[in-house]
Amino acid sequence: MVTFSLERTAPLPLDEAWRRITRWSRHADTVPLTRITGVTPTPTRVGTVFVARSGIGPLGFDDPMEVTVWRPPADGEPGLCRLEKRGRVVLGWAELEVRPGPGGRTRVRWREELRVRFLPGLFDGVLRQGSRAVFGRALNHVLRQP
C-alpha cells in the first residue's frame, strides 16, 4: 500500500477549480490506456459511482470508485470529495480538496492511498513514484482545461 499527496495552486476561484477537478471523464485524458465511464447519473453526489477502465481490450481491469464524501465549496469555505476505490485490482481511497489560496487563487490537494492487489510491497516505491507522476499530470491537465 502506498500513500501520496499532490498540491497545486491554481489561478481560479474555488468553485471553478472544484468543477474542473470533479469532471471525472477529464482525468482519463492524460492517463495512458484509460477511459472513465459513469455508472450513476449526474450530478455527482454521495453514492455516485464511476469506473476507470485501464488496459487494451480484454487485457485490462476496472477501477470502480464511489463518492463517499461530497462537500462542494460554498461561501469561501473549502470543498472536499472522497472516493473509495472498490475494484478487484485497485483498492484504497482518494481525497480531492480545494481551499482558498494566496491572492484569490485556489489551493488544490489530492491525497491518495493506493493498493494494487497481487503487487508485492517490494514495488511500493515504484508504484508511489509512478502514481505521483501520472496523477500529477492528470491534475495539471484538468486544472488547465476550461
C-alpha atoms as a PDB file:
ATOM      1  CA  MET A   1       0.000   0.000   0.000  1.00  0.00           C
ATOM      2  CA  VAL A   2       1.271   3.472  -0.845  1.00  0.00           C
ATOM      3  CA  THR A   3       0.127   6.936   0.121  1.00  0.00           C
ATOM      4  CA  PHE A   4       0.974  10.147  -1.641  1.00  0.00           C
ATOM      5  CA  SER A   5      -0.134  13.749  -1.771  1.00  0.00           C
ATOM      6  CA  LEU A   6      -0.080  16.352  -4.534  1.00  0.00           C
ATOM      7  CA  GLU A   7      -0.650  20.081  -4.147  1.00  0.00           C
ATOM      8  CA  ARG A   8      -1.154  22.793  -6.716  1.00  0.00           C
ATOM      9  CA  THR A   9      -2.043  26.477  -6.639  1.00  0.00           C
ATOM     10  CA  ALA A  10      -4.396  27.417  -9.479  1.00  0.00           C
ATOM     11  CA  PRO A  11      -5.318  30.926 -10.673  1.00  0.00           C
ATOM     12  CA  LEU A  12      -9.001  30.004 -10.367  1.00  0.00           C
ATOM     13  CA  PRO A  13     -11.853  30.725  -7.965  1.00  0.00           C
ATOM     14  CA  LEU A  14     -12.770  27.852  -5.626  1.00  0.00           C
ATOM     15  CA  ASP A  15     -15.925  26.834  -7.475  1.00  0.00           C
ATOM     16  CA  GLU A  16     -14.188  26.704 -10.864  1.00  0.00           C
ATOM     17  CA  ALA A  17     -11.249  24.665  -9.545  1.00  0.00           C
ATOM     18  CA  TRP A  18     -13.798  22.294  -7.939  1.00  0.00           C
ATOM     19  CA  ARG A  19     -15.767  21.963 -11.170  1.00  0.00           C
ATOM     20  CA  ARG A  20     -12.621  21.139 -13.104  1.00  0.00           C
ATOM     21  CA  ILE A  21     -11.196  18.539 -10.714  1.00  0.00           C
ATOM     22  CA  THR A  22     -14.528  16.740 -10.356  1.00  0.00           C
ATOM     23  CA  ARG A  23     -15.218  16.278 -14.080  1.00  0.00           C
ATOM     24  CA  TRP A  24     -14.291  12.628 -13.837  1.00  0.00           C
ATOM     25  CA  SER A  25     -14.075  11.851 -17.550  1.00  0.00           C
ATOM     26  CA  ARG A  26     -11.386  14.524 -17.998  1.00  0.00           C
ATOM     27  CA  HIS A  27      -8.985  12.688 -15.678  1.00  0.00           C
ATOM     28  CA  ALA A  28      -8.537   9.936 -18.255  1.00  0.00           C
ATOM     29  CA  ASP A  29      -7.379  12.413 -20.915  1.00  0.00           C
ATOM     30  CA  THR A  30      -3.794  12.096 -19.671  1.00  0.00           C
ATOM     31  CA  VAL A  31      -3.785   8.666 -18.019  1.00  0.00           C
ATOM     32  CA  PRO A  32      -2.465   6.206 -20.606  1.00  0.00           C
ATOM     33  CA  LEU A  33      -4.845   3.480 -21.837  1.00  0.00           C
ATOM     34  CA  THR A  34      -7.637   4.615 -19.507  1.00  0.00           C
ATOM     35  CA  ARG A  35     -11.192   5.740 -20.055  1.00  0.00           C
ATOM     36  CA  ILE A  36     -13.808   6.677 -17.489  1.00  0.00           C
ATOM     37  CA  THR A  37     -17.453   5.775 -17.668  1.00  0.00           C
ATOM     38  CA  GLY A  38     -20.226   6.986 -15.438  1.00  0.00           C
ATOM     39  CA  VAL A  39     -22.415   4.425 -13.813  1.00  0.00           C
ATOM     40  CA  THR A  40     -24.605   6.708 -11.719  1.00  0.00           C
ATOM     41  CA  PRO A  41     -26.493   9.554 -13.446  1.00  0.00           C
ATOM     42  CA  THR A  42     -25.124  13.055 -12.903  1.00  0.00           C
ATOM     43  CA  PRO A  43     -24.859  15.298 -10.961  1.00  0.00           C
ATOM     44  CA  THR A  44     -22.151  13.898  -8.702  1.00  0.00           C
ATOM     45  CA  ARG A  45     -23.199  13.342  -5.088  1.00  0.00           C
ATOM     46  CA  VAL A  46     -22.582  10.856  -2.273  1.00  0.00           C
ATOM     47  CA  GLY A  47     -23.210   7.440  -3.797  1.00  0.00           C
ATOM     48  CA  THR A  48     -22.100   8.381  -7.321  1.00  0.00           C
ATOM     49  CA  VAL A  49     -20.158   5.523  -8.905  1.00  0.00           C
ATOM     50  CA  PHE A  50     -17.907   5.666 -11.949  1.00  0.00           C
ATOM     51  CA  VAL A  51     -15.360   3.284 -13.410  1.00  0.00           C
ATOM     52  CA  ALA A  52     -11.861   3.868 -14.751  1.00  0.00           C
ATOM     53  CA  ARG A  53     -11.094   1.111 -17.269  1.00  0.00           C
ATOM     54  CA  SER A  54      -7.355   0.671 -17.872  1.00  0.00           C
ATOM     55  CA  GLY A  55      -5.810  -1.568 -20.486  1.00  0.00           C
ATOM     56  CA  ILE A  56      -6.411  -2.715 -24.024  1.00  0.00           C
ATOM     57  CA  GLY A  57      -9.438  -4.872 -24.756  1.00  0.00           C
ATOM     58  CA  PRO A  58      -9.598  -7.945 -22.541  1.00  0.00           C
ATOM     59  CA  LEU A  59      -6.123  -7.154 -21.147  1.00  0.00           C
ATOM     60  CA  GLY A  60      -7.281  -4.591 -18.659  1.00  0.00           C
ATOM     61  CA  PHE A  61      -9.092  -4.049 -15.414  1.00  0.00           C
ATOM     62  CA  ASP A  62     -11.848  -1.892 -13.980  1.00  0.00           C
ATOM     63  CA  ASP A  63     -11.245   0.533 -11.140  1.00  0.00           C
ATOM     64  CA  PRO A  64     -14.743   1.310  -9.768  1.00  0.00           C
ATOM     65  CA  MET A  65     -14.924   4.306  -7.454  1.00  0.00           C
ATOM     66  CA  GLU A  66     -17.707   5.565  -5.225  1.00  0.00           C
ATOM     67  CA  VAL A  67     -18.095   9.097  -3.912  1.00  0.00           C
ATOM     68  CA  THR A  68     -18.427   8.801  -0.120  1.00  0.00           C
ATOM     69  CA  VAL A  69     -17.956  12.483   0.783  1.00  0.00           C
ATOM     70  CA  TRP A  70     -19.246  15.317  -1.391  1.00  0.00           C
ATOM     71  CA  ARG A  71     -18.905  18.814   0.040  1.00  0.00           C
ATOM     72  CA  PRO A  72     -18.572  21.403  -2.737  1.00  0.00           C
ATOM     73  CA  PRO A  73     -17.017  24.712  -1.702  1.00  0.00           C
ATOM     74  CA  ALA A  74     -19.563  27.322  -0.572  1.00  0.00           C
ATOM     75  CA  ASP A  75     -19.241  30.890   0.686  1.00  0.00           C
ATOM     76  CA  GLY A  76     -15.435  30.753   0.525  1.00  0.00           C
ATOM     77  CA  GLU A  77     -15.298  27.530   2.551  1.00  0.00           C
ATOM     78  CA  PRO A  78     -13.159  24.613   1.321  1.00  0.00           C
ATOM     79  CA  GLY A  79     -14.593  21.749  -0.731  1.00  0.00           C
ATOM     80  CA  LEU A  80     -13.833  18.058  -0.194  1.00  0.00           C
ATOM     81  CA  CYS A  81     -14.591  14.934  -2.203  1.00  0.00           C
ATOM     82  CA  ARG A  82     -13.592  11.438  -1.079  1.00  0.00           C
ATOM     83  CA  LEU A  83     -13.572   8.490  -3.450  1.00  0.00           C
ATOM     84  CA  GLU A  84     -13.415   4.885  -2.277  1.00  0.00           C
ATOM     85  CA  LYS A  85     -11.768   2.521  -4.765  1.00  0.00           C
ATOM     86  CA  ARG A  86     -13.737  -0.709  -4.797  1.00  0.00           C
ATOM     87  CA  GLY A  87     -12.134  -2.786  -7.527  1.00  0.00           C
ATOM     88  CA  ARG A  88     -10.801  -6.312  -7.623  1.00  0.00           C
ATOM     89  CA  VAL A  89      -7.334  -4.999  -8.555  1.00  0.00           C
ATOM     90  CA  VAL A  90      -7.085  -1.413  -7.278  1.00  0.00           C
ATOM     91  CA  LEU A  91      -8.173  -0.562  -3.727  1.00  0.00           C
ATOM     92  CA  GLY A  92      -7.845   2.443  -1.455  1.00  0.00           C
ATOM     93  CA  TRP A  93      -9.201   5.975  -1.461  1.00  0.00           C
ATOM     94  CA  ALA A  94      -8.552   9.426  -2.859  1.00  0.00           C
ATOM     95  CA  GLU A  95      -9.450  12.829  -1.447  1.00  0.00           C
ATOM     96  CA  LEU A  96      -9.661  15.953  -3.589  1.00  0.00           C
ATOM     97  CA  GLU A  97      -9.790  19.239  -1.724  1.00  0.00           C
ATOM     98  CA  VAL A  98      -9.980  22.891  -2.743  1.00  0.00           C
ATOM     99  CA  ARG A  99      -9.356  25.751  -0.349  1.00  0.00           C
ATOM    100  CA  PRO A 100      -8.666  29.479  -0.630  1.00  0.00           C
ATOM    101  CA  GLY A 101      -5.088  30.255  -1.585  1.00  0.00           C
ATOM    102  CA  PRO A 102      -2.958  33.367  -1.787  1.00  0.00           C
ATOM    103  CA  GLY A 103      -4.039  36.263  -3.973  1.00  0.00           C
ATOM    104  CA  GLY A 104      -7.515  34.930  -4.736  1.00  0.00           C
ATOM    105  CA  ARG A 105      -6.118  31.689  -6.139  1.00  0.00           C
ATOM    106  CA  THR A 106      -7.117  28.185  -5.077  1.00  0.00           C
ATOM    107  CA  ARG A 107      -5.003  25.552  -3.348  1.00  0.00           C
ATOM    108  CA  VAL A 108      -5.813  22.079  -4.612  1.00  0.00           C
ATOM    109  CA  ARG A 109      -4.765  18.981  -2.711  1.00  0.00           C
ATOM    110  CA  TRP A 110      -5.005  15.377  -3.903  1.00  0.00           C
ATOM    111  CA  ARG A 111      -4.314  12.720  -1.250  1.00  0.00           C
ATOM    112  CA  GLU A 112      -4.460   9.055  -2.074  1.00  0.00           C
ATOM    113  CA  GLU A 113      -3.930   5.672  -0.526  1.00  0.00           C
ATOM    114  CA  LEU A 114      -3.453   3.050  -3.206  1.00  0.00           C
ATOM    115  CA  ARG A 115      -3.135  -0.690  -3.065  1.00  0.00           C
ATOM    116  CA  VAL A 116      -2.764  -2.921  -6.094  1.00  0.00           C
ATOM    117  CA  ARG A 117      -3.801  -6.468  -5.300  1.00  0.00           C
ATOM    118  CA  PHE A 118      -1.159  -9.088  -6.066  1.00  0.00           C
ATOM    119  CA  LEU A 119       1.618  -6.449  -6.276  1.00  0.00           C
ATOM    120  CA  PRO A 120       4.275  -7.229  -3.643  1.00  0.00           C
ATOM    121  CA  GLY A 121       5.311  -4.457  -1.241  1.00  0.00           C
ATOM    122  CA  LEU A 122       8.741  -4.580  -2.853  1.00  0.00           C
ATOM    123  CA  PHE A 123       7.221  -2.424  -5.637  1.00  0.00           C
ATOM    124  CA  ASP A 124       5.700   0.239  -3.354  1.00  0.00           C
ATOM    125  CA  GLY A 125       8.382   2.806  -4.221  1.00  0.00           C
ATOM    126  CA  VAL A 126       7.855   2.370  -7.948  1.00  0.00           C
ATOM    127  CA  LEU A 127       4.068   2.484  -7.513  1.00  0.00           C
ATOM    128  CA  ARG A 128       4.309   5.665  -5.409  1.00  0.00           C
ATOM    129  CA  GLN A 129       6.569   7.478  -7.896  1.00  0.00           C
ATOM    130  CA  GLY A 130       4.567   6.308 -10.907  1.00  0.00           C
ATOM    131  CA  SER A 131       1.283   7.319  -9.276  1.00  0.00           C
ATOM    132  CA  ARG A 132       2.595  10.759  -8.344  1.00  0.00           C
ATOM    133  CA  ALA A 133       3.745  11.300 -11.927  1.00  0.00           C
ATOM    134  CA  VAL A 134       0.547  10.048 -13.597  1.00  0.00           C
ATOM    135  CA  PHE A 135      -1.916  11.681 -11.216  1.00  0.00           C
ATOM    136  CA  GLY A 136       0.144  14.879 -11.031  1.00  0.00           C
ATOM    137  CA  ARG A 137      -0.030  15.146 -14.795  1.00  0.00           C
ATOM    138  CA  ALA A 138      -3.790  14.469 -14.724  1.00  0.00           C
ATOM    139  CA  LEU A 139      -4.305  17.124 -12.038  1.00  0.00           C
ATOM    140  CA  ASN A 140      -2.314  19.695 -14.012  1.00  0.00           C
ATOM    141  CA  HIS A 141      -4.353  18.880 -17.103  1.00  0.00           C
ATOM    142  CA  VAL A 142      -7.819  19.167 -15.530  1.00  0.00           C
ATOM    143  CA  LEU A 143      -6.903  22.452 -13.828  1.00  0.00           C
ATOM    144  CA  ARG A 144      -5.856  23.946 -17.194  1.00  0.00           C
ATOM    145  CA  GLN A 145      -8.927  22.815 -19.136  1.00  0.00           C
ATOM    146  CA  PRO A 146     -11.978  25.099 -19.032  1.00  0.00           C
END
